[in-house]
Amino acid sequence: MEVPRPHPCGPARFPAHDLVDDPVRDTQEHEDRSDPETGAEAITKWRASIDEGRARVVVDSGKVLGTVSRGPVDRHFWTDEDRPESAFHLYKLIVARQAAGRHLGARLVDWASGLAVMEGRDRVRTDTWRTNEGLHSYYERLGFRHVRTESPSHRLSGWLAQRPTTALSLPDFPLTVGPPHEGRTAPIPSQHTPAD
């Protein structure tokens, strides 16, 4: 079996919107559509990251199971003192419900770490909503350390975290980084492992 690989997504490749559209619809039904982090502006920015090739998807049996995006440095949060160029800035980590228990989120974060190493970066960073304590805990279980919390009045995000690129959650189940190599096998695990 081929090692799963995060593929660039976009209109001409994999149907990232299959995974994107359901959460988007749920968000738009339950949140203020004028909010720049949940409404139409956020969705437009996200789709632009897909169109610009900054989003990746994992596809299994023709279905999109997960997505992750890399983004530019968010200057509302990360300053020059943070050495923003030293990090891979991870955004929009989403795993489909049918992939629950397969540790795809952890493996996508590990994949981002591998890409960061290839680019000469030494950490992976993320920011999440300040109030989403469950997500904070999830990232901490993956080895992220809370850096600080910023609270700009116009943003819901601001809980900032990072982890070293060497802090892999599932090193024995990598997603491929770089060109394909024949003979490498590591199926997406279907059972729980101690990482979750």
C-alpha atoms as a PDB file:
ATOM      1  CA  MET A   1       0.000   0.000   0.000  1.00  0.00           C
ATOM      2  CA  GLU A   2       1.281   3.466  -0.855  1.00  0.00           C
ATOM      3  CA  VAL A   3       2.122   5.888   1.939  1.00  0.00           C
ATOM      4  CA  PRO A   4      -0.658   8.485   2.171  1.00  0.00           C
ATOM      5  CA  ARG A   5       0.500  11.830   0.857  1.00  0.00           C
ATOM      6  CA  PRO A   6      -0.947  15.289   1.401  1.00  0.00           C
ATOM      7  CA  HIS A   7      -1.709  16.539  -2.100  1.00  0.00           C
ATOM      8  CA  PRO A   8      -2.105  20.134  -3.206  1.00  0.00           C
ATOM      9  CA  CYS A   9      -5.770  20.820  -3.561  1.00  0.00           C
ATOM     10  CA  GLY A  10      -7.669  23.169  -5.768  1.00  0.00           C
ATOM     11  CA  PRO A  11     -10.328  23.275  -8.429  1.00  0.00           C
ATOM     12  CA  ALA A  12      -8.293  21.226 -10.924  1.00  0.00           C
ATOM     13  CA  ARG A  13      -7.089  18.569  -8.460  1.00  0.00           C
ATOM     14  CA  PHE A  14      -8.789  17.062  -5.456  1.00  0.00           C
ATOM     15  CA  PRO A  15     -12.208  18.264  -4.302  1.00  0.00           C
ATOM     16  CA  ALA A  16     -11.081  20.041  -1.144  1.00  0.00           C
ATOM     17  CA  HIS A  17     -14.426  21.773  -1.020  1.00  0.00           C
ATOM     18  CA  ASP A  18     -16.000  18.366  -0.270  1.00  0.00           C
ATOM     19  CA  LEU A  19     -14.385  18.590   3.142  1.00  0.00           C
ATOM     20  CA  VAL A  20     -14.487  22.373   3.348  1.00  0.00           C
ATOM     21  CA  ASP A  21     -18.136  22.879   2.479  1.00  0.00           C
ATOM     22  CA  ASP A  22     -19.729  20.917   5.335  1.00  0.00           C
ATOM     23  CA  PRO A  23     -17.871  22.757   8.127  1.00  0.00           C
ATOM     24  CA  VAL A  24     -18.426  26.000   6.240  1.00  0.00           C
ATOM     25  CA  ARG A  25     -22.170  25.444   6.070  1.00  0.00           C
ATOM     26  CA  ASP A  26     -22.270  24.508   9.765  1.00  0.00           C
ATOM     27  CA  THR A  27     -20.266  27.616  10.677  1.00  0.00           C
ATOM     28  CA  GLN A  28     -22.401  29.891   8.567  1.00  0.00           C
ATOM     29  CA  GLU A  29     -25.602  28.531  10.069  1.00  0.00           C
ATOM     30  CA  HIS A  30     -24.461  29.002  13.672  1.00  0.00           C
ATOM     31  CA  GLU A  31     -22.141  31.996  13.631  1.00  0.00           C
ATOM     32  CA  ASP A  32     -22.313  35.658  12.746  1.00  0.00           C
ATOM     33  CA  ARG A  33     -21.624  35.777   8.999  1.00  0.00           C
ATOM     34  CA  SER A  34     -20.113  39.243   9.313  1.00  0.00           C
ATOM     35  CA  ASP A  35     -17.457  38.049  11.781  1.00  0.00           C
ATOM     36  CA  PRO A  36     -14.089  38.101   9.954  1.00  0.00           C
ATOM     37  CA  GLU A  37     -13.057  34.779  11.541  1.00  0.00           C
ATOM     38  CA  THR A  38     -16.256  32.796  10.918  1.00  0.00           C
ATOM     39  CA  GLY A  39     -18.174  34.492   8.147  1.00  0.00           C
ATOM     40  CA  ALA A  40     -17.875  35.060   4.452  1.00  0.00           C
ATOM     41  CA  GLU A  41     -14.525  36.864   4.766  1.00  0.00           C
ATOM     42  CA  ALA A  42     -12.944  33.870   6.501  1.00  0.00           C
ATOM     43  CA  ILE A  43     -14.346  31.463   3.924  1.00  0.00           C
ATOM     44  CA  THR A  44     -13.069  33.635   1.080  1.00  0.00           C
ATOM     45  CA  LYS A  45      -9.573  33.715   2.633  1.00  0.00           C
ATOM     46  CA  TRP A  46      -9.622  29.952   3.099  1.00  0.00           C
ATOM     47  CA  ARG A  47     -10.680  29.270  -0.475  1.00  0.00           C
ATOM     48  CA  ALA A  48      -7.927  31.654  -1.640  1.00  0.00           C
ATOM     49  CA  SER A  49      -5.366  29.567   0.263  1.00  0.00           C
ATOM     50  CA  ILE A  50      -6.665  26.513  -1.587  1.00  0.00           C
ATOM     51  CA  ASP A  51      -6.475  28.280  -4.943  1.00  0.00           C
ATOM     52  CA  GLU A  52      -2.942  29.543  -4.143  1.00  0.00           C
ATOM     53  CA  GLY A  53      -1.711  26.021  -3.398  1.00  0.00           C
ATOM     54  CA  ARG A  54      -1.186  26.552   0.347  1.00  0.00           C
ATOM     55  CA  ALA A  55      -3.712  23.888   1.324  1.00  0.00           C
ATOM     56  CA  ARG A  56      -3.139  20.144   1.229  1.00  0.00           C
ATOM     57  CA  VAL A  57      -5.565  17.236   1.406  1.00  0.00           C
ATOM     58  CA  VAL A  58      -5.226  13.556   2.221  1.00  0.00           C
ATOM     59  CA  VAL A  59      -7.355  11.424  -0.075  1.00  0.00           C
ATOM     60  CA  ASP A  60      -8.150   7.768   0.552  1.00  0.00           C
ATOM     61  CA  SER A  61     -10.324   5.717  -1.813  1.00  0.00           C
ATOM     62  CA  GLY A  62     -11.315   8.889  -3.630  1.00  0.00           C
ATOM     63  CA  LYS A  63     -12.536  10.682  -0.492  1.00  0.00           C
ATOM     64  CA  VAL A  64     -10.936  13.709   1.106  1.00  0.00           C
ATOM     65  CA  LEU A  65     -10.226  12.713   4.720  1.00  0.00           C
ATOM     66  CA  GLY A  66      -8.256  15.688   5.965  1.00  0.00           C
ATOM     67  CA  THR A  67      -6.867  19.077   5.112  1.00  0.00           C
ATOM     68  CA  VAL A  68      -4.248  21.428   6.466  1.00  0.00           C
ATOM     69  CA  SER A  69      -3.109  24.823   5.246  1.00  0.00           C
ATOM     70  CA  ARG A  70       0.038  26.789   5.710  1.00  0.00           C
ATOM     71  CA  GLY A  71      -0.302  30.470   6.002  1.00  0.00           C
ATOM     72  CA  PRO A  72       1.647  33.644   6.079  1.00  0.00           C
ATOM     73  CA  VAL A  73       2.754  35.016   9.427  1.00  0.00           C
ATOM     74  CA  ASP A  74      -0.215  36.568  11.209  1.00  0.00           C
ATOM     75  CA  ARG A  75       1.244  39.895  12.297  1.00  0.00           C
ATOM     76  CA  HIS A  76      -1.616  40.471  14.735  1.00  0.00           C
ATOM     77  CA  PHE A  77       0.040  37.763  16.832  1.00  0.00           C
ATOM     78  CA  TRP A  78       3.628  36.952  15.859  1.00  0.00           C
ATOM     79  CA  THR A  79       6.241  39.702  16.114  1.00  0.00           C
ATOM     80  CA  ASP A  80       9.801  40.095  14.844  1.00  0.00           C
ATOM     81  CA  GLU A  81      11.004  38.971  18.276  1.00  0.00           C
ATOM     82  CA  ASP A  82       9.269  35.630  17.640  1.00  0.00           C
ATOM     83  CA  ARG A  83      11.471  35.081  14.571  1.00  0.00           C
ATOM     84  CA  PRO A  84       8.438  34.275  12.403  1.00  0.00           C
ATOM     85  CA  GLU A  85      10.580  33.060   9.509  1.00  0.00           C
ATOM     86  CA  SER A  86      11.821  30.196  11.702  1.00  0.00           C
ATOM     87  CA  ALA A  87       8.418  28.483  11.751  1.00  0.00           C
ATOM     88  CA  PHE A  88       5.861  26.740   9.589  1.00  0.00           C
ATOM     89  CA  HIS A  89       2.544  28.498  10.331  1.00  0.00           C
ATOM     90  CA  LEU A  90      -0.195  25.854  10.385  1.00  0.00           C
ATOM     91  CA  TYR A  91      -3.847  26.727   9.735  1.00  0.00           C
ATOM     92  CA  LYS A  92      -7.160  24.999   9.069  1.00  0.00           C
ATOM     93  CA  LEU A  93      -6.379  21.520  10.311  1.00  0.00           C
ATOM     94  CA  ILE A  94      -9.611  19.594   9.663  1.00  0.00           C
ATOM     95  CA  VAL A  95     -10.236  15.858   9.636  1.00  0.00           C
ATOM     96  CA  ALA A  96     -13.422  14.306   8.283  1.00  0.00           C
ATOM     97  CA  ARG A  97     -15.629  12.532  10.801  1.00  0.00           C
ATOM     98  CA  GLN A  98     -15.235   9.231   8.922  1.00  0.00           C
ATOM     99  CA  ALA A  99     -11.466   9.377   9.648  1.00  0.00           C
ATOM    100  CA  ALA A 100     -11.953   9.735  13.414  1.00  0.00           C
ATOM    101  CA  GLY A 101      -9.674   7.468  15.412  1.00  0.00           C
ATOM    102  CA  ARG A 102      -7.127   7.175  12.590  1.00  0.00           C
ATOM    103  CA  HIS A 103      -4.866   9.925  13.998  1.00  0.00           C
ATOM    104  CA  LEU A 104      -4.861  11.807  10.740  1.00  0.00           C
ATOM    105  CA  GLY A 105      -4.725  15.205  12.481  1.00  0.00           C
ATOM    106  CA  ALA A 106      -1.580  14.222  14.384  1.00  0.00           C
ATOM    107  CA  ARG A 107      -0.056  12.841  11.211  1.00  0.00           C
ATOM    108  CA  LEU A 108      -0.822  16.048   9.283  1.00  0.00           C
ATOM    109  CA  VAL A 109       0.916  18.068  12.004  1.00  0.00           C
ATOM    110  CA  ASP A 110       3.880  15.663  11.814  1.00  0.00           C
ATOM    111  CA  TRP A 111       3.871  16.139   8.025  1.00  0.00           C
ATOM    112  CA  ALA A 112       4.031  19.923   8.532  1.00  0.00           C
ATOM    113  CA  SER A 113       7.019  19.343  10.838  1.00  0.00           C
ATOM    114  CA  GLY A 114       8.780  17.341   8.131  1.00  0.00           C
ATOM    115  CA  LEU A 115       8.150  20.041   5.555  1.00  0.00           C
ATOM    116  CA  ALA A 116       9.397  22.673   8.001  1.00  0.00           C
ATOM    117  CA  VAL A 117      12.644  20.723   8.462  1.00  0.00           C
ATOM    118  CA  MET A 118      13.111  20.504   4.684  1.00  0.00           C
ATOM    119  CA  GLU A 119      12.729  24.305   4.538  1.00  0.00           C
ATOM    120  CA  GLY A 120      15.238  24.876   7.353  1.00  0.00           C
ATOM    121  CA  ARG A 121      12.607  25.839   9.935  1.00  0.00           C
ATOM    122  CA  ASP A 122      12.772  24.580  13.511  1.00  0.00           C
ATOM    123  CA  ARG A 123       9.178  24.824  14.748  1.00  0.00           C
ATOM    124  CA  VAL A 124       5.511  24.592  13.800  1.00  0.00           C
ATOM    125  CA  ARG A 125       3.161  27.290  15.054  1.00  0.00           C
ATOM    126  CA  THR A 126      -0.573  27.665  15.255  1.00  0.00           C
ATOM    127  CA  ASP A 127      -3.144  29.992  16.724  1.00  0.00           C
ATOM    128  CA  THR A 128      -6.645  29.062  17.796  1.00  0.00           C
ATOM    129  CA  TRP A 129      -9.648  30.751  19.282  1.00  0.00           C
ATOM    130  CA  ARG A 130      -8.903  31.912  22.789  1.00  0.00           C
ATOM    131  CA  THR A 131     -12.011  30.164  24.147  1.00  0.00           C
ATOM    132  CA  ASN A 132     -11.486  26.743  22.535  1.00  0.00           C
ATOM    133  CA  GLU A 133      -9.914  24.923  25.479  1.00  0.00           C
ATOM    134  CA  GLY A 134     -10.539  21.519  23.899  1.00  0.00           C
ATOM    135  CA  LEU A 135      -8.445  22.480  20.889  1.00  0.00           C
ATOM    136  CA  HIS A 136      -5.747  23.930  23.165  1.00  0.00           C
ATOM    137  CA  SER A 137      -5.571  20.563  24.933  1.00  0.00           C
ATOM    138  CA  TYR A 138      -5.442  18.710  21.622  1.00  0.00           C
ATOM    139  CA  TYR A 139      -2.436  20.707  20.434  1.00  0.00           C
ATOM    140  CA  GLU A 140      -0.739  20.339  23.829  1.00  0.00           C
ATOM    141  CA  ARG A 141      -1.150  16.536  23.565  1.00  0.00           C
ATOM    142  CA  LEU A 142       0.625  16.799  20.203  1.00  0.00           C
ATOM    143  CA  GLY A 143       3.602  18.476  21.882  1.00  0.00           C
ATOM    144  CA  PHE A 144       2.715  22.130  21.392  1.00  0.00           C
ATOM    145  CA  ARG A 145       3.619  24.596  24.126  1.00  0.00           C
ATOM    146  CA  HIS A 146       1.431  27.617  24.806  1.00  0.00           C
ATOM    147  CA  VAL A 147       3.508  30.706  24.001  1.00  0.00           C
ATOM    148  CA  ARG A 148       1.064  33.438  25.006  1.00  0.00           C
ATOM    149  CA  THR A 149      -2.464  34.667  24.438  1.00  0.00           C
ATOM    150  CA  GLU A 150      -3.128  37.854  22.493  1.00  0.00           C
ATOM    151  CA  SER A 151      -6.544  39.486  22.673  1.00  0.00           C
ATOM    152  CA  PRO A 152      -7.130  41.975  19.869  1.00  0.00           C
ATOM    153  CA  SER A 153     -10.736  43.151  20.078  1.00  0.00           C
ATOM    154  CA  HIS A 154     -11.440  42.357  16.422  1.00  0.00           C
ATOM    155  CA  ARG A 155     -10.245  38.724  16.611  1.00  0.00           C
ATOM    156  CA  LEU A 156     -11.421  35.542  18.319  1.00  0.00           C
ATOM    157  CA  SER A 157      -8.076  33.821  17.786  1.00  0.00           C
ATOM    158  CA  GLY A 158      -5.096  34.614  19.914  1.00  0.00           C
ATOM    159  CA  TRP A 159      -4.066  31.452  21.773  1.00  0.00           C
ATOM    160  CA  LEU A 160      -0.576  30.979  20.321  1.00  0.00           C
ATOM    161  CA  ALA A 161       1.333  27.714  20.485  1.00  0.00           C
ATOM    162  CA  GLN A 162       4.355  26.075  18.914  1.00  0.00           C
ATOM    163  CA  ARG A 163       6.309  22.844  18.982  1.00  0.00           C
ATOM    164  CA  PRO A 164       9.778  21.887  17.787  1.00  0.00           C
ATOM    165  CA  THR A 165       9.874  20.109  14.445  1.00  0.00           C
ATOM    166  CA  THR A 166      11.548  17.183  16.234  1.00  0.00           C
ATOM    167  CA  ALA A 167       8.508  16.550  18.477  1.00  0.00           C
ATOM    168  CA  LEU A 168       6.655  14.066  16.258  1.00  0.00           C
ATOM    169  CA  SER A 169       3.484  12.436  17.566  1.00  0.00           C
ATOM    170  CA  LEU A 170       3.468   9.345  15.335  1.00  0.00           C
ATOM    171  CA  PRO A 171       6.946   8.914  13.840  1.00  0.00           C
ATOM    172  CA  ASP A 172       6.183   5.303  12.848  1.00  0.00           C
ATOM    173  CA  PHE A 173       3.175   6.345  10.719  1.00  0.00           C
ATOM    174  CA  PRO A 174       4.432   9.248   8.593  1.00  0.00           C
ATOM    175  CA  LEU A 175       2.642  10.925   5.744  1.00  0.00           C
ATOM    176  CA  THR A 176       5.042  11.287   2.840  1.00  0.00           C
ATOM    177  CA  VAL A 177       6.941  14.555   2.523  1.00  0.00           C
ATOM    178  CA  GLY A 178       8.641  15.081  -0.813  1.00  0.00           C
ATOM    179  CA  PRO A 179       8.533  13.028  -4.016  1.00  0.00           C
ATOM    180  CA  PRO A 180       6.990   9.541  -3.975  1.00  0.00           C
ATOM    181  CA  HIS A 181       9.246   6.556  -3.321  1.00  0.00           C
ATOM    182  CA  GLU A 182       8.290   3.025  -4.220  1.00  0.00           C
ATOM    183  CA  GLY A 183       8.330   0.385  -1.543  1.00  0.00           C
ATOM    184  CA  ARG A 184       7.454   2.659   1.390  1.00  0.00           C
ATOM    185  CA  THR A 185       4.340   1.511   3.162  1.00  0.00           C
ATOM    186  CA  ALA A 186       2.465   2.935   6.111  1.00  0.00           C
ATOM    187  CA  PRO A 187      -1.312   2.686   5.858  1.00  0.00           C
ATOM    188  CA  ILE A 188      -3.524   5.108   7.708  1.00  0.00           C
ATOM    189  CA  PRO A 189      -4.013   3.309  11.039  1.00  0.00           C
ATOM    190  CA  SER A 190      -7.580   2.291  11.777  1.00  0.00           C
ATOM    191  CA  GLN A 191      -7.216   1.698  15.511  1.00  0.00           C
ATOM    192  CA  HIS A 192      -6.423   3.979  18.423  1.00  0.00           C
ATOM    193  CA  THR A 193      -2.787   4.342  19.434  1.00  0.00           C
ATOM    194  CA  PRO A 194      -1.425   5.931  22.606  1.00  0.00           C
ATOM    195  CA  ALA A 195      -1.001   9.336  20.851  1.00  0.00           C
ATOM    196  CA  ASP A 196      -4.697  10.252  21.358  1.00  0.00           C
END
